[in-house]
Amino acid sequence: MQIQVDEKLDFKCSYMKDVIRILGIFIDNAIEETRNMENGYIIIVAMNTEQGCLFSVTNNYKTKPELALMQQRGYTTKGENRGMGLYWAEELIKKNEIIHNMDITDTEVVQEIEIIKK
């Protein structure tokens, strides 16, 4: 696991609990996916942007998820009775008008949220 945090990270918002829950879901999913991989890795980034603050969680994967389905209730690549985390994260993202970018490459899943200072 690699963690990169801006030396002078400046982040405050009224919905901090929701941001922490979203990041917790992203990190938990990354840990579950890479836990039993020989070369599994996770990269977490927290950095200032011109408009606010960006948080990113990147991990490699064994089973490539379907980008279009990832936020649907119950979608999972990890077995039965799973698949609620990203759905709940997306609900919090919408509620707080957080900018969310998600990408899947040939080797990685990248989840980013950006909090805009108001």
N, C-alpha and C. Protein backbone atom coordinates (compact mmCIF):
# COMPACT_ATOMS: atom_id res chain seq x y z
N MET A 1 0.85 -1.17 0.00
CA MET A 1 0.00 0.00 0.00
C MET A 1 0.90 1.23 0.00
N GLN A 2 0.53 2.18 -0.82
CA GLN A 2 1.26 3.45 -0.90
C GLN A 2 0.27 4.57 -0.60
N ILE A 3 0.67 5.47 0.29
CA ILE A 3 -0.18 6.61 0.63
C ILE A 3 0.59 7.89 0.38
N GLN A 4 -0.02 8.79 -0.38
CA GLN A 4 0.59 10.08 -0.70
C GLN A 4 -0.36 11.18 -0.24
N VAL A 5 0.12 12.04 0.64
CA VAL A 5 -0.69 13.13 1.16
C VAL A 5 0.10 14.42 0.99
N ASP A 6 -0.54 15.44 0.41
CA ASP A 6 0.09 16.75 0.29
C ASP A 6 0.57 17.20 1.66
N GLU A 7 1.77 17.75 1.69
CA GLU A 7 2.34 18.21 2.95
C GLU A 7 1.45 19.24 3.63
N LYS A 8 0.83 20.10 2.84
CA LYS A 8 -0.03 21.14 3.38
C LYS A 8 -1.48 20.93 2.94
N LEU A 9 -1.97 19.72 3.15
CA LEU A 9 -3.34 19.40 2.79
C LEU A 9 -4.29 20.31 3.57
N ASP A 10 -5.18 20.97 2.86
CA ASP A 10 -6.13 21.90 3.47
C ASP A 10 -7.53 21.44 3.12
N PHE A 11 -8.16 20.72 4.05
CA PHE A 11 -9.47 20.14 3.75
C PHE A 11 -10.40 20.28 4.94
N LYS A 12 -11.49 20.96 4.73
CA LYS A 12 -12.55 21.09 5.73
C LYS A 12 -13.87 21.14 4.97
N CYS A 13 -14.88 20.46 5.51
CA CYS A 13 -16.21 20.57 4.93
C CYS A 13 -17.24 20.17 5.98
N SER A 14 -18.46 20.55 5.75
CA SER A 14 -19.53 20.29 6.72
C SER A 14 -20.02 18.84 6.68
N TYR A 15 -19.62 18.09 5.67
CA TYR A 15 -20.08 16.70 5.52
C TYR A 15 -18.89 15.73 5.58
N MET A 16 -17.97 16.01 6.50
CA MET A 16 -16.76 15.20 6.66
C MET A 16 -17.07 13.72 6.92
N LYS A 17 -18.11 13.43 7.71
CA LYS A 17 -18.46 12.03 8.00
C LYS A 17 -18.80 11.28 6.70
N ASP A 18 -19.50 11.94 5.79
CA ASP A 18 -19.85 11.30 4.53
C ASP A 18 -18.61 11.07 3.68
N VAL A 19 -17.69 12.02 3.65
CA VAL A 19 -16.45 11.87 2.88
C VAL A 19 -15.65 10.69 3.43
N ILE A 20 -15.56 10.59 4.75
CA ILE A 20 -14.83 9.49 5.38
C ILE A 20 -15.49 8.15 5.05
N ARG A 21 -16.82 8.12 5.07
CA ARG A 21 -17.53 6.87 4.74
C ARG A 21 -17.28 6.47 3.28
N ILE A 22 -17.33 7.43 2.37
CA ILE A 22 -17.08 7.15 0.95
C ILE A 22 -15.67 6.60 0.77
N LEU A 23 -14.68 7.28 1.36
CA LEU A 23 -13.30 6.81 1.23
C LEU A 23 -13.11 5.45 1.89
N GLY A 24 -13.79 5.23 2.99
CA GLY A 24 -13.73 3.92 3.65
C GLY A 24 -14.25 2.81 2.75
N ILE A 25 -15.32 3.07 2.03
CA ILE A 25 -15.87 2.08 1.09
C ILE A 25 -14.87 1.82 -0.04
N PHE A 26 -14.32 2.89 -0.61
CA PHE A 26 -13.33 2.72 -1.69
C PHE A 26 -12.14 1.90 -1.21
N ILE A 27 -11.61 2.23 -0.03
CA ILE A 27 -10.43 1.54 0.50
C ILE A 27 -10.76 0.10 0.87
N ASP A 28 -11.91 -0.13 1.48
CA ASP A 28 -12.32 -1.49 1.84
C ASP A 28 -12.45 -2.36 0.60
N ASN A 29 -13.06 -1.82 -0.47
CA ASN A 29 -13.17 -2.58 -1.72
C ASN A 29 -11.80 -2.90 -2.29
N ALA A 30 -10.89 -1.92 -2.24
CA ALA A 30 -9.53 -2.14 -2.76
C ALA A 30 -8.81 -3.22 -1.96
N ILE A 31 -8.95 -3.19 -0.64
CA ILE A 31 -8.31 -4.20 0.21
C ILE A 31 -8.88 -5.58 -0.10
N GLU A 32 -10.21 -5.70 -0.18
CA GLU A 32 -10.82 -6.99 -0.47
C GLU A 32 -10.36 -7.54 -1.82
N GLU A 33 -10.22 -6.67 -2.81
CA GLU A 33 -9.82 -7.12 -4.15
C GLU A 33 -8.37 -7.56 -4.19
N THR A 34 -7.49 -6.88 -3.48
CA THR A 34 -6.05 -7.16 -3.59
C THR A 34 -5.52 -8.09 -2.51
N ARG A 35 -6.34 -8.38 -1.52
CA ARG A 35 -5.90 -9.14 -0.34
C ARG A 35 -5.17 -10.44 -0.69
N ASN A 36 -5.68 -11.21 -1.61
CA ASN A 36 -5.09 -12.52 -1.91
C ASN A 36 -4.32 -12.54 -3.23
N MET A 37 -4.01 -11.36 -3.74
CA MET A 37 -3.24 -11.29 -4.98
C MET A 37 -1.74 -11.29 -4.66
N GLU A 38 -0.98 -12.01 -5.46
CA GLU A 38 0.47 -12.06 -5.25
C GLU A 38 1.10 -10.68 -5.39
N ASN A 39 0.66 -9.92 -6.37
CA ASN A 39 1.22 -8.58 -6.61
C ASN A 39 0.17 -7.49 -6.46
N GLY A 40 -0.73 -7.66 -5.52
CA GLY A 40 -1.78 -6.68 -5.30
C GLY A 40 -1.21 -5.39 -4.75
N TYR A 41 -1.79 -4.28 -5.15
CA TYR A 41 -1.34 -2.98 -4.63
C TYR A 41 -2.50 -2.00 -4.56
N ILE A 42 -2.34 -1.05 -3.67
CA ILE A 42 -3.31 0.03 -3.47
C ILE A 42 -2.53 1.32 -3.36
N ILE A 43 -3.01 2.35 -4.04
CA ILE A 43 -2.40 3.68 -3.95
C ILE A 43 -3.49 4.66 -3.51
N ILE A 44 -3.25 5.34 -2.41
CA ILE A 44 -4.19 6.32 -1.89
C ILE A 44 -3.53 7.69 -1.97
N VAL A 45 -4.23 8.66 -2.54
CA VAL A 45 -3.70 10.01 -2.71
C VAL A 45 -4.69 11.02 -2.13
N ALA A 46 -4.16 11.99 -1.40
CA ALA A 46 -4.95 13.13 -0.92
C ALA A 46 -4.15 14.37 -1.26
N MET A 47 -4.75 15.24 -2.09
CA MET A 47 -4.00 16.41 -2.53
C MET A 47 -4.90 17.63 -2.71
N ASN A 48 -4.32 18.78 -2.51
CA ASN A 48 -5.02 20.03 -2.78
C ASN A 48 -5.16 20.20 -4.29
N THR A 49 -6.25 20.82 -4.69
CA THR A 49 -6.43 21.22 -6.08
C THR A 49 -6.72 22.72 -6.08
N GLU A 50 -6.78 23.30 -7.25
CA GLU A 50 -7.10 24.73 -7.33
C GLU A 50 -8.47 25.02 -6.75
N GLN A 51 -9.38 24.06 -6.87
CA GLN A 51 -10.76 24.28 -6.43
C GLN A 51 -11.07 23.71 -5.05
N GLY A 52 -10.22 22.85 -4.54
CA GLY A 52 -10.52 22.21 -3.27
C GLY A 52 -9.54 21.12 -2.93
N CYS A 53 -10.04 19.88 -2.84
CA CYS A 53 -9.21 18.74 -2.44
C CYS A 53 -9.64 17.49 -3.21
N LEU A 54 -8.67 16.70 -3.64
CA LEU A 54 -8.91 15.48 -4.39
C LEU A 54 -8.43 14.28 -3.59
N PHE A 55 -9.27 13.26 -3.52
CA PHE A 55 -8.91 11.98 -2.91
C PHE A 55 -9.02 10.91 -3.97
N SER A 56 -8.01 10.04 -4.04
CA SER A 56 -7.98 9.00 -5.06
C SER A 56 -7.59 7.67 -4.43
N VAL A 57 -8.27 6.61 -4.85
CA VAL A 57 -7.93 5.25 -4.43
C VAL A 57 -7.79 4.42 -5.71
N THR A 58 -6.60 3.85 -5.90
CA THR A 58 -6.30 3.04 -7.09
C THR A 58 -5.87 1.66 -6.62
N ASN A 59 -6.36 0.63 -7.29
CA ASN A 59 -5.90 -0.73 -7.00
C ASN A 59 -5.94 -1.57 -8.27
N ASN A 60 -5.10 -2.59 -8.29
CA ASN A 60 -5.20 -3.55 -9.38
C ASN A 60 -6.27 -4.58 -9.01
N TYR A 61 -6.61 -5.46 -9.94
CA TYR A 61 -7.72 -6.38 -9.70
C TYR A 61 -7.45 -7.74 -10.33
N LYS A 62 -8.19 -8.74 -9.81
CA LYS A 62 -8.18 -10.09 -10.39
C LYS A 62 -9.27 -10.20 -11.44
N THR A 63 -10.46 -9.71 -11.09
CA THR A 63 -11.63 -9.80 -11.96
C THR A 63 -12.02 -8.39 -12.36
N LYS A 64 -11.99 -8.12 -13.65
CA LYS A 64 -12.32 -6.78 -14.13
C LYS A 64 -13.81 -6.51 -13.93
N PRO A 65 -14.12 -5.46 -13.15
CA PRO A 65 -15.54 -5.12 -12.96
C PRO A 65 -16.10 -4.38 -14.16
N GLU A 66 -17.41 -4.39 -14.27
CA GLU A 66 -18.11 -3.66 -15.33
C GLU A 66 -18.35 -2.24 -14.85
N LEU A 67 -17.67 -1.28 -15.46
CA LEU A 67 -17.77 0.12 -15.06
C LEU A 67 -19.21 0.60 -15.01
N ALA A 68 -19.99 0.26 -16.01
CA ALA A 68 -21.38 0.73 -16.10
C ALA A 68 -22.26 0.17 -14.98
N LEU A 69 -21.85 -0.93 -14.37
CA LEU A 69 -22.68 -1.58 -13.35
C LEU A 69 -22.20 -1.36 -11.92
N MET A 70 -20.99 -0.85 -11.75
CA MET A 70 -20.36 -0.82 -10.43
C MET A 70 -21.17 -0.12 -9.34
N GLN A 71 -21.94 0.89 -9.70
CA GLN A 71 -22.68 1.63 -8.68
C GLN A 71 -24.12 1.15 -8.51
N GLN A 72 -24.47 0.09 -9.22
CA GLN A 72 -25.82 -0.45 -9.08
C GLN A 72 -25.94 -1.26 -7.80
N ARG A 73 -27.07 -1.14 -7.18
CA ARG A 73 -27.34 -1.88 -5.94
C ARG A 73 -27.19 -3.38 -6.19
N GLY A 74 -26.32 -4.02 -5.40
CA GLY A 74 -26.15 -5.46 -5.48
C GLY A 74 -25.11 -5.95 -6.46
N TYR A 75 -24.51 -5.07 -7.29
CA TYR A 75 -23.49 -5.52 -8.23
C TYR A 75 -22.20 -5.82 -7.48
N THR A 76 -21.60 -6.97 -7.76
CA THR A 76 -20.35 -7.35 -7.12
C THR A 76 -19.59 -8.35 -7.97
N THR A 77 -18.28 -8.38 -7.78
CA THR A 77 -17.45 -9.43 -8.36
C THR A 77 -16.96 -10.36 -7.26
N LYS A 78 -17.51 -10.20 -6.03
CA LYS A 78 -16.97 -10.88 -4.86
C LYS A 78 -17.89 -11.93 -4.25
N GLY A 79 -18.97 -12.30 -4.90
CA GLY A 79 -19.83 -13.35 -4.36
C GLY A 79 -21.18 -12.85 -3.93
N GLU A 80 -22.00 -13.78 -3.45
CA GLU A 80 -23.39 -13.47 -3.08
C GLU A 80 -23.48 -12.59 -1.84
N ASN A 81 -24.63 -11.93 -1.73
CA ASN A 81 -24.95 -11.08 -0.58
C ASN A 81 -23.93 -9.96 -0.37
N ARG A 82 -23.47 -9.39 -1.45
CA ARG A 82 -22.49 -8.31 -1.40
C ARG A 82 -22.97 -7.22 -2.36
N GLY A 83 -22.13 -6.21 -2.59
CA GLY A 83 -22.42 -5.25 -3.64
C GLY A 83 -23.20 -4.02 -3.23
N MET A 84 -23.17 -3.68 -1.95
CA MET A 84 -23.91 -2.50 -1.51
C MET A 84 -23.02 -1.28 -1.31
N GLY A 85 -21.73 -1.47 -1.08
CA GLY A 85 -20.83 -0.37 -0.73
C GLY A 85 -20.79 0.76 -1.74
N LEU A 86 -20.52 0.44 -3.00
CA LEU A 86 -20.42 1.49 -4.01
C LEU A 86 -21.77 2.14 -4.27
N TYR A 87 -22.84 1.40 -4.09
CA TYR A 87 -24.18 1.98 -4.21
C TYR A 87 -24.38 3.04 -3.13
N TRP A 88 -24.04 2.70 -1.88
CA TRP A 88 -24.18 3.66 -0.78
C TRP A 88 -23.25 4.85 -0.97
N ALA A 89 -22.03 4.59 -1.43
CA ALA A 89 -21.09 5.68 -1.69
C ALA A 89 -21.66 6.64 -2.72
N GLU A 90 -22.25 6.10 -3.77
CA GLU A 90 -22.81 6.95 -4.82
C GLU A 90 -23.99 7.78 -4.30
N GLU A 91 -24.78 7.21 -3.41
CA GLU A 91 -25.87 7.98 -2.81
C GLU A 91 -25.33 9.17 -2.01
N LEU A 92 -24.25 8.97 -1.25
CA LEU A 92 -23.63 10.06 -0.48
C LEU A 92 -22.99 11.09 -1.41
N ILE A 93 -22.40 10.62 -2.49
CA ILE A 93 -21.78 11.51 -3.47
C ILE A 93 -22.83 12.43 -4.08
N LYS A 94 -23.97 11.86 -4.46
CA LYS A 94 -25.06 12.66 -5.03
C LYS A 94 -25.61 13.64 -4.00
N LYS A 95 -25.83 13.16 -2.79
CA LYS A 95 -26.40 13.99 -1.72
C LYS A 95 -25.55 15.23 -1.46
N ASN A 96 -24.24 15.09 -1.49
CA ASN A 96 -23.34 16.18 -1.15
C ASN A 96 -22.76 16.89 -2.37
N GLU A 97 -23.22 16.52 -3.56
CA GLU A 97 -22.76 17.13 -4.81
C GLU A 97 -21.24 17.09 -4.93
N ILE A 98 -20.68 15.93 -4.66
CA ILE A 98 -19.25 15.69 -4.76
C ILE A 98 -18.93 15.27 -6.19
N ILE A 99 -17.82 15.75 -6.70
CA ILE A 99 -17.38 15.34 -8.04
C ILE A 99 -16.76 13.95 -7.92
N HIS A 100 -17.24 13.02 -8.74
CA HIS A 100 -16.77 11.63 -8.67
C HIS A 100 -16.34 11.16 -10.05
N ASN A 101 -15.12 10.68 -10.14
CA ASN A 101 -14.62 10.07 -11.38
C ASN A 101 -14.21 8.65 -11.07
N MET A 102 -14.61 7.75 -11.94
CA MET A 102 -14.26 6.35 -11.79
C MET A 102 -13.76 5.85 -13.14
N ASP A 103 -12.67 5.11 -13.12
CA ASP A 103 -12.11 4.59 -14.37
C ASP A 103 -11.60 3.18 -14.13
N ILE A 104 -11.70 2.37 -15.16
CA ILE A 104 -11.14 1.02 -15.12
C ILE A 104 -10.25 0.88 -16.33
N THR A 105 -8.97 0.60 -16.08
CA THR A 105 -8.03 0.37 -17.16
C THR A 105 -7.87 -1.15 -17.32
N ASP A 106 -6.92 -1.56 -18.12
CA ASP A 106 -6.66 -3.00 -18.30
C ASP A 106 -6.13 -3.65 -17.02
N THR A 107 -5.64 -2.83 -16.08
CA THR A 107 -5.03 -3.40 -14.87
C THR A 107 -5.54 -2.81 -13.56
N GLU A 108 -6.22 -1.65 -13.62
CA GLU A 108 -6.55 -0.93 -12.39
C GLU A 108 -7.97 -0.39 -12.35
N VAL A 109 -8.46 -0.24 -11.11
CA VAL A 109 -9.68 0.52 -10.83
C VAL A 109 -9.22 1.79 -10.14
N VAL A 110 -9.72 2.94 -10.61
CA VAL A 110 -9.38 4.23 -10.02
C VAL A 110 -10.68 4.92 -9.61
N GLN A 111 -10.78 5.28 -8.34
CA GLN A 111 -11.94 6.02 -7.80
C GLN A 111 -11.41 7.36 -7.29
N GLU A 112 -11.99 8.45 -7.75
CA GLU A 112 -11.58 9.79 -7.30
C GLU A 112 -12.81 10.58 -6.89
N ILE A 113 -12.66 11.33 -5.79
CA ILE A 113 -13.67 12.31 -5.44
C ILE A 113 -12.96 13.63 -5.23
N GLU A 114 -13.63 14.69 -5.64
CA GLU A 114 -13.08 16.02 -5.42
C GLU A 114 -14.11 16.85 -4.66
N ILE A 115 -13.63 17.46 -3.60
CA ILE A 115 -14.46 18.32 -2.78
C ILE A 115 -14.12 19.77 -3.16
N ILE A 116 -15.11 20.50 -3.59
CA ILE A 116 -14.91 21.89 -4.00
C ILE A 116 -15.16 22.81 -2.81
N LYS A 117 -14.21 23.71 -2.55
CA LYS A 117 -14.39 24.69 -1.47
C LYS A 117 -15.51 25.64 -1.85
N LYS A 118 -16.34 25.93 -0.87
CA LYS A 118 -17.46 26.85 -1.13
C LYS A 118 -17.29 28.11 -0.35
